Amino acid sequence: MVGALPPPQTGQAISFERLLNQFVSEENVNVYPFDTCSSSKDKHITGALRFVRIFETLTLIFKFSWLFYKKKPNIVYMTKGSTTLGFCRDLCLQLVSRAFNSEIRFVVHLKGGNYDVFYSSSPKYIKYLIRFFLKKCNAIIVLGNSLIPMYHFLPEINNKIFVVNNALTTSYQLERSEFCKSGVVNFLYLSNLIYTKGYIHILEAAEILLRDNIKQFNLTFAGHFMKSPDDPEDIDGIQEIFQEGIKLYKNIKYIGPVGGIDKHNLLKYSDVFILPTNYYVEGQPVSIIEAMAYSMPVITTNYRSIPDIVCKENAKFVEYSNIEQIKDAMNYFIQNKKIIEEMGSQSRKLYQNKFTWETHFENIRKIILEIS
């Protein structure tokens, strides 16, 4: 099993870790884990090409080859990269696998939603290798139906594509406090603080509300600050502006990364989740599913596979970086507190029907172990 393990606490890493642990507990299955996360962990920028990252990739390929020589596994499950270096790693691992075992079952799982962009922006020789790689895969897992068109550049692999939604990874008993305690709406941003996930736009929207004397809300930001190749050039300045800005308001706070019981309590006592994302490798945010499990309505963007997990009955859609729309969506819940519980109930139903861990694991287990 090849994928990124925490830290940092990204939805993809947490999900891979739980999947790994569950397969370890399976009878008659021997599991060999390979962590693809950079040794710099929290400081690594997704998609950034550095010498140390190249060295780590070569080391991974060597260790992977040694494992195949000694253990000769017959299945590989891998979370697939959508950068040039990530793809080269994936291709090398596939070639090694088939060199040692021509009957290997090779399953890849794309946790993002930008593979078509990666393909179209690649030079011709990389495009050829991408098509070669995909044809040699036995199964390709995507997060939602809206992401299947990512592979329309290669129609012959359509029968290899399987949809498996993300799922809640926590095992805590799902419960929540009463909504809007004391008449105040508690908004929550729970994700890594990456510029294109919209955290700075939420802050600006909240500032407008406060200037308009609309104060019946609290706003909490939780997560790591992380950088991304799609950041603006002045990202360091933006992060400073954000951290200085939240100090000006008693009802707005940044609490850093959270996990375990602290994360459970944060979700339990929040009312409305907000993630107006346009992150370039976004797929299907686990944080939205977490919010739905805790019966929260969602403010988000109509982007990538997000429409596969929310609908107008439980979510308000806004345009990315449109501060006025974000402000209006927040104000809608502030002025209509009764609707929060109604929309939150729809979120909970959607979660129970589609996004439980049991459903997620059973679907992936069938693809990895049973489908020939």
Protein backbone atom coordinates (compact mmCIF):
# COMPACT_ATOMS: atom_id res chain seq x y z
CA MET A 1 0.00 0.00 0.00
CA VAL A 2 1.57 3.21 -1.22
CA GLY A 3 0.37 6.62 -0.06
CA ALA A 4 0.96 9.64 2.15
CA LEU A 5 0.74 9.14 5.92
CA PRO A 6 0.31 11.93 8.49
CA PRO A 7 1.72 14.30 9.54
CA PRO A 8 0.60 16.68 8.20
CA GLN A 9 -3.04 15.97 9.00
CA THR A 10 -4.52 16.16 5.52
CA GLY A 11 -7.77 14.42 4.65
CA GLN A 12 -5.95 12.20 2.17
CA ALA A 13 -3.27 11.15 4.67
CA ILE A 14 -5.74 10.44 7.48
CA SER A 15 -7.95 8.41 5.14
CA PHE A 16 -4.98 6.39 3.81
CA GLU A 17 -3.79 5.70 7.35
CA ARG A 18 -7.15 4.33 8.43
CA LEU A 19 -7.48 2.24 5.26
CA LEU A 20 -4.01 0.84 5.86
CA ASN A 21 -4.80 -0.03 9.48
CA GLN A 22 -8.03 -1.76 8.49
CA PHE A 23 -6.30 -3.93 5.91
CA VAL A 24 -3.64 -4.80 8.50
CA SER A 25 -6.43 -6.20 10.68
CA GLU A 26 -7.79 -8.35 7.82
CA GLU A 27 -7.20 -12.08 8.06
CA ASN A 28 -5.07 -13.69 5.34
CA VAL A 29 -3.79 -10.32 4.11
CA ASN A 30 -0.16 -9.29 4.57
CA VAL A 31 0.26 -5.52 4.23
CA TYR A 32 3.46 -3.64 3.39
CA PRO A 33 3.12 0.15 3.78
CA PHE A 34 5.10 2.79 1.87
CA ASP A 35 4.82 6.42 2.96
CA THR A 36 5.09 8.85 0.02
CA CYS A 37 4.99 11.98 2.18
CA SER A 38 8.09 14.14 2.15
CA SER A 39 10.44 13.86 5.14
CA SER A 40 9.96 17.60 5.60
CA LYS A 41 6.28 16.79 6.22
CA ASP A 42 4.66 20.11 7.24
CA LYS A 43 7.07 22.21 5.15
CA HIS A 44 6.64 20.31 1.88
CA ILE A 45 4.70 22.06 -0.88
CA THR A 46 2.54 19.74 -2.99
CA GLY A 47 3.84 19.78 -6.55
CA ALA A 48 7.11 21.52 -5.70
CA LEU A 49 10.21 19.93 -7.26
CA ARG A 50 13.24 19.85 -4.97
CA PHE A 51 16.42 17.77 -4.90
CA VAL A 52 15.54 16.19 -1.55
CA ARG A 53 12.16 15.12 -2.97
CA ILE A 54 13.84 13.46 -5.96
CA PHE A 55 16.22 11.63 -3.61
CA GLU A 56 13.30 10.47 -1.44
CA THR A 57 11.46 9.21 -4.52
CA LEU A 58 14.48 7.22 -5.71
CA THR A 59 14.87 5.75 -2.22
CA LEU A 60 11.21 4.72 -2.19
CA ILE A 61 11.57 3.01 -5.57
CA PHE A 62 14.66 1.11 -4.33
CA LYS A 63 12.89 -0.06 -1.14
CA PHE A 64 9.84 -1.02 -3.17
CA SER A 65 11.99 -3.11 -5.54
CA TRP A 66 13.70 -4.85 -2.61
CA LEU A 67 10.32 -5.72 -1.11
CA PHE A 68 9.15 -7.28 -4.37
CA TYR A 69 12.36 -9.27 -4.62
CA LYS A 70 11.94 -10.65 -1.08
CA LYS A 71 8.16 -10.90 -0.54
CA LYS A 72 6.67 -11.04 -4.04
CA PRO A 73 3.28 -9.44 -3.23
CA ASN A 74 0.49 -9.91 -5.74
CA ILE A 75 -1.50 -6.67 -5.24
CA VAL A 76 -0.44 -3.02 -5.21
CA TYR A 77 -2.80 -0.28 -4.00
CA MET A 78 -1.50 3.22 -4.55
CA THR A 79 -2.82 6.77 -4.18
CA LYS A 80 -1.87 8.23 -7.55
CA GLY A 81 0.10 11.44 -8.08
CA SER A 82 -0.91 14.21 -10.48
CA THR A 83 2.44 15.98 -10.82
CA THR A 84 5.32 15.05 -13.11
CA LEU A 85 7.51 13.71 -10.29
CA GLY A 86 4.57 11.90 -8.69
CA PHE A 87 3.66 10.30 -12.01
CA CYS A 88 7.26 9.22 -12.69
CA ARG A 89 7.31 7.56 -9.26
CA ASP A 90 4.00 5.80 -9.97
CA LEU A 91 5.19 4.58 -13.36
CA CYS A 92 8.45 3.23 -11.91
CA LEU A 93 6.56 1.38 -9.18
CA GLN A 94 4.25 -0.13 -11.77
CA LEU A 95 7.17 -1.27 -13.95
CA VAL A 96 8.94 -2.78 -10.94
CA SER A 97 5.75 -4.60 -9.92
CA ARG A 98 5.23 -6.13 -13.33
CA ALA A 99 8.90 -6.99 -13.72
CA PHE A 100 8.70 -9.22 -10.63
CA ASN A 101 5.13 -10.42 -11.15
CA SER A 102 3.50 -10.19 -14.57
CA GLU A 103 0.14 -11.11 -12.98
CA ILE A 104 0.24 -8.29 -10.42
CA ARG A 105 -3.05 -6.57 -9.64
CA PHE A 106 -2.33 -2.83 -9.76
CA VAL A 107 -4.98 -0.53 -8.25
CA VAL A 108 -4.58 3.26 -8.28
CA HIS A 109 -6.70 5.76 -6.38
CA LEU A 110 -6.78 9.42 -7.42
CA LYS A 111 -7.64 11.52 -4.37
CA GLY A 112 -7.68 14.80 -6.32
CA GLY A 113 -9.60 16.15 -9.26
CA ASN A 114 -7.04 17.60 -11.66
CA TYR A 115 -5.69 14.63 -13.64
CA ASP A 116 -7.05 15.93 -16.95
CA VAL A 117 -5.30 19.25 -16.31
CA PHE A 118 -2.07 17.40 -15.54
CA TYR A 119 -2.40 15.35 -18.74
CA SER A 120 -3.24 18.26 -21.04
CA SER A 121 -0.35 20.38 -19.69
CA SER A 122 2.24 17.58 -20.09
CA PRO A 123 4.64 17.27 -23.05
CA LYS A 124 3.92 14.63 -25.67
CA TYR A 125 6.31 12.00 -24.29
CA ILE A 126 4.77 12.28 -20.82
CA LYS A 127 1.29 11.99 -22.34
CA TYR A 128 2.37 8.77 -24.04
CA LEU A 129 3.70 7.40 -20.74
CA ILE A 130 0.50 8.42 -18.91
CA ARG A 131 -1.61 6.50 -21.42
CA PHE A 132 0.75 3.50 -21.14
CA PHE A 133 0.55 3.63 -17.34
CA LEU A 134 -3.26 3.80 -17.23
CA LYS A 135 -3.68 0.94 -19.69
CA LYS A 136 -1.55 -1.24 -17.41
CA CYS A 137 -3.65 -0.48 -14.32
CA ASN A 138 -6.26 -3.05 -13.32
CA ALA A 139 -8.52 -0.57 -11.54
CA ILE A 140 -8.65 3.22 -11.27
CA ILE A 141 -10.63 4.66 -8.35
CA VAL A 142 -12.05 8.19 -8.50
CA LEU A 143 -13.91 10.11 -5.80
CA GLY A 144 -17.15 10.94 -7.60
CA ASN A 145 -19.11 10.59 -10.82
CA SER A 146 -18.29 14.13 -11.87
CA LEU A 147 -14.58 13.19 -11.98
CA ILE A 148 -14.93 10.31 -14.46
CA PRO A 149 -14.55 12.73 -17.43
CA MET A 150 -10.95 13.37 -16.30
CA TYR A 151 -10.05 10.23 -18.24
CA HIS A 152 -11.97 10.95 -21.46
CA PHE A 153 -8.61 11.36 -23.22
CA LEU A 154 -8.35 7.53 -23.02
CA PRO A 155 -11.81 5.98 -23.62
CA GLU A 156 -10.50 2.40 -23.60
CA ILE A 157 -9.99 2.47 -19.82
CA ASN A 158 -13.62 3.35 -19.01
CA ASN A 159 -14.36 -0.18 -17.78
CA LYS A 160 -11.51 0.10 -15.27
CA ILE A 161 -12.86 3.23 -13.54
CA PHE A 162 -14.67 2.80 -10.22
CA VAL A 163 -16.29 5.49 -8.09
CA VAL A 164 -15.74 5.39 -4.32
CA ASN A 165 -16.76 8.43 -2.30
CA ASN A 166 -14.60 9.66 0.55
CA ALA A 167 -15.78 8.93 4.07
CA LEU A 168 -15.63 10.03 7.68
CA THR A 169 -12.44 8.66 9.24
CA THR A 170 -13.09 9.31 12.94
CA SER A 171 -14.50 6.60 15.19
CA TYR A 172 -15.99 8.98 17.77
CA GLN A 173 -19.67 8.69 18.59
CA LEU A 174 -21.36 11.29 16.44
CA GLU A 175 -23.22 13.76 18.59
CA ARG A 176 -23.66 17.47 18.69
CA SER A 177 -24.81 20.22 21.01
CA GLU A 178 -27.87 22.33 20.38
CA PHE A 179 -27.67 24.61 17.37
CA CYS A 180 -26.83 28.31 17.71
CA LYS A 181 -26.45 28.30 21.47
CA SER A 182 -27.26 31.74 22.95
CA GLY A 183 -28.49 32.88 19.55
CA VAL A 184 -24.98 32.98 18.07
CA VAL A 185 -24.04 31.11 14.86
CA ASN A 186 -20.70 29.28 15.09
CA PHE A 187 -19.01 29.11 11.67
CA LEU A 188 -16.14 26.67 11.18
CA TYR A 189 -13.32 26.49 8.65
CA LEU A 190 -11.57 23.14 9.22
CA SER A 191 -8.93 22.41 6.59
CA ASN A 192 -5.31 23.23 5.89
CA LEU A 193 -4.93 26.97 5.43
CA ILE A 194 -4.03 27.10 1.75
CA TYR A 195 -4.75 30.34 -0.06
CA THR A 196 -6.97 28.80 -2.75
CA LYS A 197 -9.11 27.10 -0.12
CA GLY A 198 -10.44 30.60 0.61
CA TYR A 199 -9.58 31.25 4.24
CA ILE A 200 -8.56 34.88 3.60
CA HIS A 201 -11.80 35.52 1.70
CA ILE A 202 -13.83 34.20 4.63
CA LEU A 203 -12.03 36.59 6.96
CA GLU A 204 -12.72 39.53 4.65
CA ALA A 205 -16.40 38.55 4.44
CA ALA A 206 -16.62 38.34 8.23
CA GLU A 207 -15.03 41.78 8.55
CA ILE A 208 -17.73 43.24 6.30
CA LEU A 209 -20.43 41.69 8.49
CA LEU A 210 -18.89 43.24 11.58
CA ARG A 211 -18.62 46.64 9.92
CA ASP A 212 -22.32 46.33 9.08
CA ASN A 213 -22.94 45.74 12.80
CA ILE A 214 -23.88 42.09 12.27
CA LYS A 215 -22.20 40.48 15.26
CA GLN A 216 -24.29 37.41 16.15
CA PHE A 217 -21.65 34.92 15.04
CA ASN A 218 -18.33 33.31 15.94
CA LEU A 219 -15.82 32.20 13.32
CA THR A 220 -13.13 29.59 14.00
CA PHE A 221 -10.27 28.63 11.67
CA ALA A 222 -8.49 25.32 12.31
CA GLY A 223 -5.66 23.67 10.37
CA HIS A 224 -2.02 23.96 9.33
CA PHE A 225 -0.76 26.84 7.24
CA MET A 226 0.46 25.25 4.00
CA LYS A 227 1.81 26.62 0.74
CA SER A 228 0.85 25.54 -2.75
CA PRO A 229 2.16 26.10 -6.30
CA ASP A 230 -1.02 28.05 -7.09
CA ASP A 231 -0.35 30.59 -4.31
CA PRO A 232 -0.06 34.28 -5.25
CA GLU A 233 3.47 35.72 -5.14
CA ASP A 234 2.77 37.64 -1.93
CA ILE A 235 1.54 34.60 0.02
CA ASP A 236 3.78 35.31 3.02
CA GLY A 237 2.28 38.77 3.32
CA ILE A 238 -1.24 37.37 3.02
CA GLN A 239 -0.60 34.91 5.83
CA GLU A 240 0.69 37.73 8.00
CA ILE A 241 -2.35 39.88 7.20
CA PHE A 242 -4.61 36.97 8.17
CA GLN A 243 -2.87 36.30 11.47
CA GLU A 244 -2.81 39.97 12.38
CA GLY A 245 -6.41 40.47 11.25
CA ILE A 246 -7.95 37.82 13.49
CA LYS A 247 -6.37 39.46 16.54
CA LEU A 248 -8.64 42.47 16.03
CA TYR A 249 -11.88 40.60 16.70
CA LYS A 250 -13.05 38.75 19.80
CA ASN A 251 -15.40 36.49 17.85
CA ILE A 252 -12.86 35.38 15.22
CA LYS A 253 -10.04 33.01 16.14
CA TYR A 254 -7.40 30.71 14.66
CA ILE A 255 -6.68 27.66 16.83
CA GLY A 256 -4.12 25.82 14.68
CA PRO A 257 -4.31 22.13 13.73
CA VAL A 258 -6.67 19.91 15.71
CA GLY A 259 -7.20 16.17 16.00
CA GLY A 260 -8.73 13.50 18.21
CA ILE A 261 -11.14 14.61 20.92
CA ASP A 262 -10.37 18.29 20.28
CA LYS A 263 -11.51 17.96 16.69
CA HIS A 264 -14.59 16.01 17.78
CA ASN A 265 -15.59 18.75 20.21
CA LEU A 266 -14.92 21.47 17.66
CA LEU A 267 -17.28 19.82 15.19
CA LYS A 268 -19.82 19.06 17.90
CA TYR A 269 -20.17 22.70 18.92
CA SER A 270 -20.07 24.28 15.44
CA ASP A 271 -23.19 25.18 13.46
CA VAL A 272 -22.21 25.96 9.84
CA PHE A 273 -19.18 24.70 7.91
CA ILE A 274 -17.48 26.93 5.35
CA LEU A 275 -14.93 25.98 2.66
CA PRO A 276 -15.08 28.18 -0.49
CA THR A 277 -12.27 26.27 -2.23
CA ASN A 278 -10.60 26.45 -5.63
CA TYR A 279 -7.50 24.46 -4.62
CA TYR A 280 -5.81 23.13 -7.76
CA VAL A 281 -5.66 19.48 -6.63
CA GLU A 282 -8.99 19.56 -4.78
CA GLY A 283 -11.13 16.48 -5.25
CA GLN A 284 -13.75 15.71 -2.61
CA PRO A 285 -12.89 17.37 0.72
CA VAL A 286 -13.13 15.00 3.67
CA SER A 287 -13.70 18.01 5.91
CA ILE A 288 -17.07 18.62 4.24
CA ILE A 289 -18.07 15.01 4.92
CA GLU A 290 -16.98 15.44 8.55
CA ALA A 291 -19.20 18.51 8.84
CA MET A 292 -22.15 16.64 7.32
CA ALA A 293 -21.67 13.78 9.77
CA TYR A 294 -22.06 16.34 12.57
CA SER A 295 -25.27 17.68 10.99
CA MET A 296 -23.90 20.96 9.68
CA PRO A 297 -25.04 22.85 6.58
CA VAL A 298 -22.19 23.82 4.27
CA ILE A 299 -21.06 26.97 2.46
CA THR A 300 -18.80 25.93 -0.42
CA THR A 301 -18.05 26.17 -4.14
CA ASN A 302 -19.48 24.21 -7.06
CA TYR A 303 -16.06 22.74 -7.80
CA ARG A 304 -14.60 19.36 -8.78
CA SER A 305 -16.38 16.55 -6.88
CA ILE A 306 -18.01 18.76 -4.25
CA PRO A 307 -21.40 18.63 -6.07
CA ASP A 308 -21.22 14.83 -5.69
CA ILE A 309 -21.44 15.13 -1.90
CA VAL A 310 -23.66 18.17 -1.23
CA CYS A 311 -26.86 19.56 -2.74
CA LYS A 312 -29.05 22.64 -2.47
CA GLU A 313 -30.94 21.05 0.44
CA ASN A 314 -27.85 21.10 2.68
CA ALA A 315 -25.48 23.64 1.11
CA LYS A 316 -25.15 27.21 -0.13
CA PHE A 317 -22.89 27.54 -3.16
CA VAL A 318 -20.70 30.61 -3.65
CA GLU A 319 -18.18 31.61 -6.27
CA TYR A 320 -14.53 31.25 -5.31
CA SER A 321 -13.03 34.52 -3.95
CA ASN A 322 -16.41 36.30 -4.25
CA ILE A 323 -16.33 37.98 -0.85
CA GLU A 324 -19.79 39.50 -1.28
CA GLN A 325 -21.35 36.09 -1.93
CA ILE A 326 -19.52 34.55 1.03
CA LYS A 327 -20.71 37.39 3.24
CA ASP A 328 -24.31 36.99 2.02
CA ALA A 329 -24.22 33.22 2.62
CA MET A 330 -22.94 33.72 6.17
CA ASN A 331 -25.56 36.38 6.80
CA TYR A 332 -28.29 34.08 5.46
CA PHE A 333 -27.64 31.64 8.30
CA ILE A 334 -27.21 34.41 10.87
CA GLN A 335 -30.62 35.83 9.96
CA ASN A 336 -32.32 32.43 9.52
CA LYS A 337 -31.10 30.31 12.41
CA LYS A 338 -34.00 27.83 12.18
CA ILE A 339 -32.85 26.77 8.71
CA ILE A 340 -29.51 25.60 10.14
CA GLU A 341 -31.04 22.61 11.90
CA GLU A 342 -33.21 21.76 8.86
CA MET A 343 -30.28 21.84 6.42
CA GLY A 344 -28.05 20.12 8.97
CA SER A 345 -30.55 17.27 9.15
CA GLN A 346 -30.24 16.85 5.37
CA SER A 347 -26.44 16.78 5.72
CA ARG A 348 -26.70 14.01 8.30
CA LYS A 349 -29.00 11.94 6.06
CA LEU A 350 -26.63 12.29 3.10
CA TYR A 351 -23.71 11.22 5.27
CA GLN A 352 -25.52 8.15 6.58
CA ASN A 353 -26.61 7.11 3.08
CA LYS A 354 -23.30 7.54 1.25
CA PHE A 355 -20.28 8.50 3.33
CA THR A 356 -19.85 6.16 6.29
CA TRP A 357 -16.49 4.47 6.69
CA GLU A 358 -18.08 1.02 6.52
CA THR A 359 -19.48 1.73 3.05
CA HIS A 360 -16.20 3.28 1.91
CA PHE A 361 -14.05 0.40 3.10
CA GLU A 362 -16.30 -2.32 1.71
CA ASN A 363 -16.29 -0.68 -1.74
CA ILE A 364 -12.51 -0.33 -1.79
CA ARG A 365 -12.01 -3.84 -0.40
CA LYS A 366 -14.05 -5.32 -3.23
CA ILE A 367 -12.05 -3.44 -5.85
CA ILE A 368 -8.69 -4.37 -4.37
CA LEU A 369 -9.28 -7.98 -3.34
CA GLU A 370 -12.25 -9.31 -5.29
CA ILE A 371 -12.70 -7.73 -8.72
CA SER A 372 -10.58 -9.55 -11.29
